Amino acid sequence: MRQCFAGVITAAFLIMATTFSYCASATLDIDELVDRYGAATGVQRPKIEGANRYKVIAAIAVIKDVLDWNTFDKASSRPGRYYKVVTEQQATKAGTLYRVIIYYKDEAKVKNLVKGQRINIDGTFVKINDDIGSFSVWVFADKLTAEDKVMLEL
């Protein structure tokens, strides 16, 4: 009985350790994503973006500006309001230039942010754009809903 119990405990520990390592590795590496996207052809880029869309992404960046950003869904004639945090341009380890654009729904989350502030970004990867010479990585920092996807044209 004692050996059976020890076996159950060992199995449970292994399952928990495997789950933890999977969760820890599930966060996208922003440098790797930007470098792969930058090196890809026009045919490959939508596949890279699509395969990574809605995954958790983390980054560190410096704030360039915080903007009140209004959008409009033409199909339903509904307005949408978000707060857009634009970061300073930075380079990956391989030298690819990019900036992070973070979208928030809640003004309270951005009202104390200031230009030049270094922030840790955790959110949902939603889009990457080629800005001719650099890239912008869009991150949604709040819970992403179906309505948000329509408003952000995803």
C-alpha atoms as a PDB file:
ATOM      1  CA  MET A   1       0.000   0.000   0.000  1.00  0.00           C
ATOM      2  CA  ARG A   2       2.832   2.324   0.880  1.00  0.00           C
ATOM      3  CA  GLN A   3       4.528   1.749  -2.517  1.00  0.00           C
ATOM      4  CA  CYS A   4       1.240   2.364  -4.335  1.00  0.00           C
ATOM      5  CA  PHE A   5       0.767   5.662  -2.504  1.00  0.00           C
ATOM      6  CA  ALA A   6       4.346   6.708  -3.295  1.00  0.00           C
ATOM      7  CA  GLY A   7       3.727   5.831  -6.955  1.00  0.00           C
ATOM      8  CA  VAL A   8       0.594   7.999  -7.044  1.00  0.00           C
ATOM      9  CA  ILE A   9       2.461  10.916  -5.458  1.00  0.00           C
ATOM     10  CA  THR A  10       5.321  10.545  -7.959  1.00  0.00           C
ATOM     11  CA  ALA A  11       2.913  10.420 -10.910  1.00  0.00           C
ATOM     12  CA  ALA A  12       1.049  13.491  -9.666  1.00  0.00           C
ATOM     13  CA  PHE A  13       4.330  15.369  -9.233  1.00  0.00           C
ATOM     14  CA  LEU A  14       5.454  14.488 -12.763  1.00  0.00           C
ATOM     15  CA  ILE A  15       2.138  15.632 -14.242  1.00  0.00           C
ATOM     16  CA  MET A  16       2.306  18.915 -12.320  1.00  0.00           C
ATOM     17  CA  ALA A  17       5.932  19.514 -13.340  1.00  0.00           C
ATOM     18  CA  THR A  18       5.114  18.838 -16.998  1.00  0.00           C
ATOM     19  CA  THR A  19       2.107  21.177 -16.851  1.00  0.00           C
ATOM     20  CA  PHE A  20       4.184  23.908 -15.200  1.00  0.00           C
ATOM     21  CA  SER A  21       6.968  23.678 -17.766  1.00  0.00           C
ATOM     22  CA  TYR A  22       4.405  23.810 -20.583  1.00  0.00           C
ATOM     23  CA  CYS A  23       2.782  26.923 -19.099  1.00  0.00           C
ATOM     24  CA  ALA A  24       6.142  28.592 -18.570  1.00  0.00           C
ATOM     25  CA  SER A  25       7.158  27.965 -22.181  1.00  0.00           C
ATOM     26  CA  ALA A  26       3.783  29.045 -23.587  1.00  0.00           C
ATOM     27  CA  THR A  27       4.733  32.754 -23.464  1.00  0.00           C
ATOM     28  CA  LEU A  28       5.913  34.026 -26.847  1.00  0.00           C
ATOM     29  CA  ASP A  29       9.453  35.355 -27.118  1.00  0.00           C
ATOM     30  CA  ILE A  30       8.898  38.772 -28.724  1.00  0.00           C
ATOM     31  CA  ASP A  31      12.440  38.967 -30.151  1.00  0.00           C
ATOM     32  CA  GLU A  32      12.093  35.573 -31.808  1.00  0.00           C
ATOM     33  CA  LEU A  33       8.661  36.450 -33.211  1.00  0.00           C
ATOM     34  CA  VAL A  34       9.872  39.764 -34.688  1.00  0.00           C
ATOM     35  CA  ASP A  35      13.006  38.174 -36.170  1.00  0.00           C
ATOM     36  CA  ARG A  36      11.057  35.289 -37.752  1.00  0.00           C
ATOM     37  CA  TYR A  37       8.450  37.679 -39.137  1.00  0.00           C
ATOM     38  CA  GLY A  38      11.106  40.053 -40.472  1.00  0.00           C
ATOM     39  CA  ALA A  39      12.971  37.254 -42.263  1.00  0.00           C
ATOM     40  CA  ALA A  40       9.784  35.770 -43.747  1.00  0.00           C
ATOM     41  CA  THR A  41       8.368  36.382 -47.201  1.00  0.00           C
ATOM     42  CA  GLY A  42       5.023  38.034 -47.822  1.00  0.00           C
ATOM     43  CA  VAL A  43       3.485  34.573 -48.227  1.00  0.00           C
ATOM     44  CA  GLN A  44       4.955  33.268 -44.947  1.00  0.00           C
ATOM     45  CA  ARG A  45       4.137  36.288 -42.764  1.00  0.00           C
ATOM     46  CA  PRO A  46       0.365  35.730 -42.420  1.00  0.00           C
ATOM     47  CA  LYS A  47       1.062  32.128 -41.397  1.00  0.00           C
ATOM     48  CA  ILE A  48       3.517  33.198 -38.691  1.00  0.00           C
ATOM     49  CA  GLU A  49       1.118  35.856 -37.419  1.00  0.00           C
ATOM     50  CA  GLY A  50      -1.865  33.477 -37.494  1.00  0.00           C
ATOM     51  CA  ALA A  51      -0.023  30.665 -35.724  1.00  0.00           C
ATOM     52  CA  ASN A  52       0.864  33.000 -32.852  1.00  0.00           C
ATOM     53  CA  ARG A  53      -2.233  35.209 -32.635  1.00  0.00           C
ATOM     54  CA  TYR A  54      -3.962  35.218 -29.240  1.00  0.00           C
ATOM     55  CA  LYS A  55      -0.978  33.687 -27.463  1.00  0.00           C
ATOM     56  CA  VAL A  56       0.468  35.250 -24.327  1.00  0.00           C
ATOM     57  CA  ILE A  57       3.392  37.567 -25.011  1.00  0.00           C
ATOM     58  CA  ALA A  58       5.662  39.482 -22.665  1.00  0.00           C
ATOM     59  CA  ALA A  59       8.087  42.324 -23.264  1.00  0.00           C
ATOM     60  CA  ILE A  60       9.877  45.199 -21.608  1.00  0.00           C
ATOM     61  CA  ALA A  61       9.726  48.608 -23.272  1.00  0.00           C
ATOM     62  CA  VAL A  62       9.919  52.360 -22.695  1.00  0.00           C
ATOM     63  CA  ILE A  63       6.780  54.462 -23.173  1.00  0.00           C
ATOM     64  CA  LYS A  64       6.841  57.006 -25.994  1.00  0.00           C
ATOM     65  CA  ASP A  65       3.216  58.156 -25.622  1.00  0.00           C
ATOM     66  CA  VAL A  66      -0.218  57.211 -24.299  1.00  0.00           C
ATOM     67  CA  LEU A  67      -3.104  57.985 -26.653  1.00  0.00           C
ATOM     68  CA  ASP A  68      -6.879  57.995 -26.493  1.00  0.00           C
ATOM     69  CA  TRP A  69      -7.778  55.833 -29.505  1.00  0.00           C
ATOM     70  CA  ASN A  70     -11.274  55.738 -30.960  1.00  0.00           C
ATOM     71  CA  THR A  71     -12.378  53.165 -33.499  1.00  0.00           C
ATOM     72  CA  PHE A  72     -15.602  52.355 -35.295  1.00  0.00           C
ATOM     73  CA  ASP A  73     -17.209  49.111 -36.440  1.00  0.00           C
ATOM     74  CA  LYS A  74     -18.798  49.907 -39.804  1.00  0.00           C
ATOM     75  CA  ALA A  75     -20.904  46.746 -39.858  1.00  0.00           C
ATOM     76  CA  SER A  76     -22.729  47.528 -36.606  1.00  0.00           C
ATOM     77  CA  SER A  77     -22.197  51.314 -36.511  1.00  0.00           C
ATOM     78  CA  ARG A  78     -20.732  50.980 -33.009  1.00  0.00           C
ATOM     79  CA  PRO A  79     -17.919  53.164 -31.736  1.00  0.00           C
ATOM     80  CA  GLY A  80     -15.122  51.715 -29.634  1.00  0.00           C
ATOM     81  CA  ARG A  81     -12.709  53.423 -27.287  1.00  0.00           C
ATOM     82  CA  TYR A  82      -9.325  52.138 -26.258  1.00  0.00           C
ATOM     83  CA  TYR A  83      -6.119  53.530 -24.807  1.00  0.00           C
ATOM     84  CA  LYS A  84      -3.024  52.935 -26.873  1.00  0.00           C
ATOM     85  CA  VAL A  85       0.421  52.890 -25.290  1.00  0.00           C
ATOM     86  CA  VAL A  86       3.115  53.375 -27.933  1.00  0.00           C
ATOM     87  CA  THR A  87       6.641  52.393 -26.943  1.00  0.00           C
ATOM     88  CA  GLU A  88      10.027  53.590 -28.117  1.00  0.00           C
ATOM     89  CA  GLN A  89      11.608  51.666 -30.945  1.00  0.00           C
ATOM     90  CA  GLN A  90      13.999  48.947 -29.825  1.00  0.00           C
ATOM     91  CA  ALA A  91      16.025  46.180 -31.456  1.00  0.00           C
ATOM     92  CA  THR A  92      15.986  42.417 -31.099  1.00  0.00           C
ATOM     93  CA  LYS A  93      19.241  40.637 -30.258  1.00  0.00           C
ATOM     94  CA  ALA A  94      19.620  40.101 -34.030  1.00  0.00           C
ATOM     95  CA  GLY A  95      19.140  43.829 -34.709  1.00  0.00           C
ATOM     96  CA  THR A  96      15.579  43.862 -36.092  1.00  0.00           C
ATOM     97  CA  LEU A  97      13.835  47.127 -35.120  1.00  0.00           C
ATOM     98  CA  TYR A  98      10.366  47.080 -33.573  1.00  0.00           C
ATOM     99  CA  ARG A  99       8.061  48.851 -31.170  1.00  0.00           C
ATOM    100  CA  VAL A 100       5.247  47.500 -29.029  1.00  0.00           C
ATOM    101  CA  ILE A 101       1.763  48.991 -29.138  1.00  0.00           C
ATOM    102  CA  ILE A 102      -0.348  48.016 -26.147  1.00  0.00           C
ATOM    103  CA  TYR A 103      -4.121  48.406 -26.124  1.00  0.00           C
ATOM    104  CA  TYR A 104      -6.131  48.848 -22.932  1.00  0.00           C
ATOM    105  CA  LYS A 105      -9.880  49.263 -22.444  1.00  0.00           C
ATOM    106  CA  ASP A 106      -9.647  50.677 -18.942  1.00  0.00           C
ATOM    107  CA  GLU A 107      -8.400  54.258 -18.600  1.00  0.00           C
ATOM    108  CA  ALA A 108      -7.479  53.596 -14.978  1.00  0.00           C
ATOM    109  CA  LYS A 109      -4.699  51.273 -16.170  1.00  0.00           C
ATOM    110  CA  VAL A 110      -3.000  54.012 -18.218  1.00  0.00           C
ATOM    111  CA  LYS A 111      -3.731  57.247 -16.353  1.00  0.00           C
ATOM    112  CA  ASN A 112      -0.517  57.113 -14.299  1.00  0.00           C
ATOM    113  CA  LEU A 113       1.807  56.061 -17.132  1.00  0.00           C
ATOM    114  CA  VAL A 114       4.343  58.668 -18.241  1.00  0.00           C
ATOM    115  CA  LYS A 115       6.652  59.164 -21.210  1.00  0.00           C
ATOM    116  CA  GLY A 116      10.048  57.585 -20.667  1.00  0.00           C
ATOM    117  CA  GLN A 117       8.720  55.069 -18.134  1.00  0.00           C
ATOM    118  CA  ARG A 118      10.037  51.512 -18.503  1.00  0.00           C
ATOM    119  CA  ILE A 119       7.212  48.978 -18.305  1.00  0.00           C
ATOM    120  CA  ASN A 120       6.757  45.222 -18.247  1.00  0.00           C
ATOM    121  CA  ILE A 121       4.151  44.183 -20.777  1.00  0.00           C
ATOM    122  CA  ASP A 122       2.038  41.055 -20.418  1.00  0.00           C
ATOM    123  CA  GLY A 123      -0.873  40.492 -22.731  1.00  0.00           C
ATOM    124  CA  THR A 124      -2.282  38.795 -25.779  1.00  0.00           C
ATOM    125  CA  PHE A 125      -0.434  39.022 -29.081  1.00  0.00           C
ATOM    126  CA  VAL A 126      -2.938  40.221 -31.695  1.00  0.00           C
ATOM    127  CA  LYS A 127      -1.038  41.585 -34.687  1.00  0.00           C
ATOM    128  CA  ILE A 128       2.296  42.544 -36.212  1.00  0.00           C
ATOM    129  CA  ASN A 129       2.710  45.234 -38.865  1.00  0.00           C
ATOM    130  CA  ASP A 130       5.561  46.009 -41.221  1.00  0.00           C
ATOM    131  CA  ASP A 131       6.162  49.737 -40.775  1.00  0.00           C
ATOM    132  CA  ILE A 132       8.814  49.872 -43.531  1.00  0.00           C
ATOM    133  CA  GLY A 133      12.140  49.572 -41.781  1.00  0.00           C
ATOM    134  CA  SER A 134      10.719  48.361 -38.487  1.00  0.00           C
ATOM    135  CA  PHE A 135       7.769  46.420 -37.107  1.00  0.00           C
ATOM    136  CA  SER A 136       5.001  47.142 -34.623  1.00  0.00           C
ATOM    137  CA  VAL A 137       3.790  44.354 -32.381  1.00  0.00           C
ATOM    138  CA  TRP A 138       0.224  44.826 -31.110  1.00  0.00           C
ATOM    139  CA  VAL A 139      -0.522  43.513 -27.634  1.00  0.00           C
ATOM    140  CA  PHE A 140      -3.925  43.582 -25.947  1.00  0.00           C
ATOM    141  CA  ALA A 141      -3.433  44.007 -22.205  1.00  0.00           C
ATOM    142  CA  ASP A 142      -6.993  43.369 -21.015  1.00  0.00           C
ATOM    143  CA  LYS A 143      -9.261  40.364 -21.507  1.00  0.00           C
ATOM    144  CA  LEU A 144      -9.811  40.120 -25.279  1.00  0.00           C
ATOM    145  CA  THR A 145     -13.495  39.714 -26.209  1.00  0.00           C
ATOM    146  CA  ALA A 146     -15.215  39.005 -29.521  1.00  0.00           C
ATOM    147  CA  GLU A 147     -16.215  42.682 -29.670  1.00  0.00           C
ATOM    148  CA  ASP A 148     -12.577  43.760 -29.197  1.00  0.00           C
ATOM    149  CA  LYS A 149     -11.540  41.515 -32.082  1.00  0.00           C
ATOM    150  CA  VAL A 150     -14.094  43.259 -34.337  1.00  0.00           C
ATOM    151  CA  MET A 151     -13.016  46.718 -33.201  1.00  0.00           C
ATOM    152  CA  LEU A 152      -9.326  45.926 -33.758  1.00  0.00           C
ATOM    153  CA  GLU A 153     -10.170  44.330 -37.122  1.00  0.00           C
ATOM    154  CA  LEU A 154      -8.652  40.962 -36.252  1.00  0.00           C
END
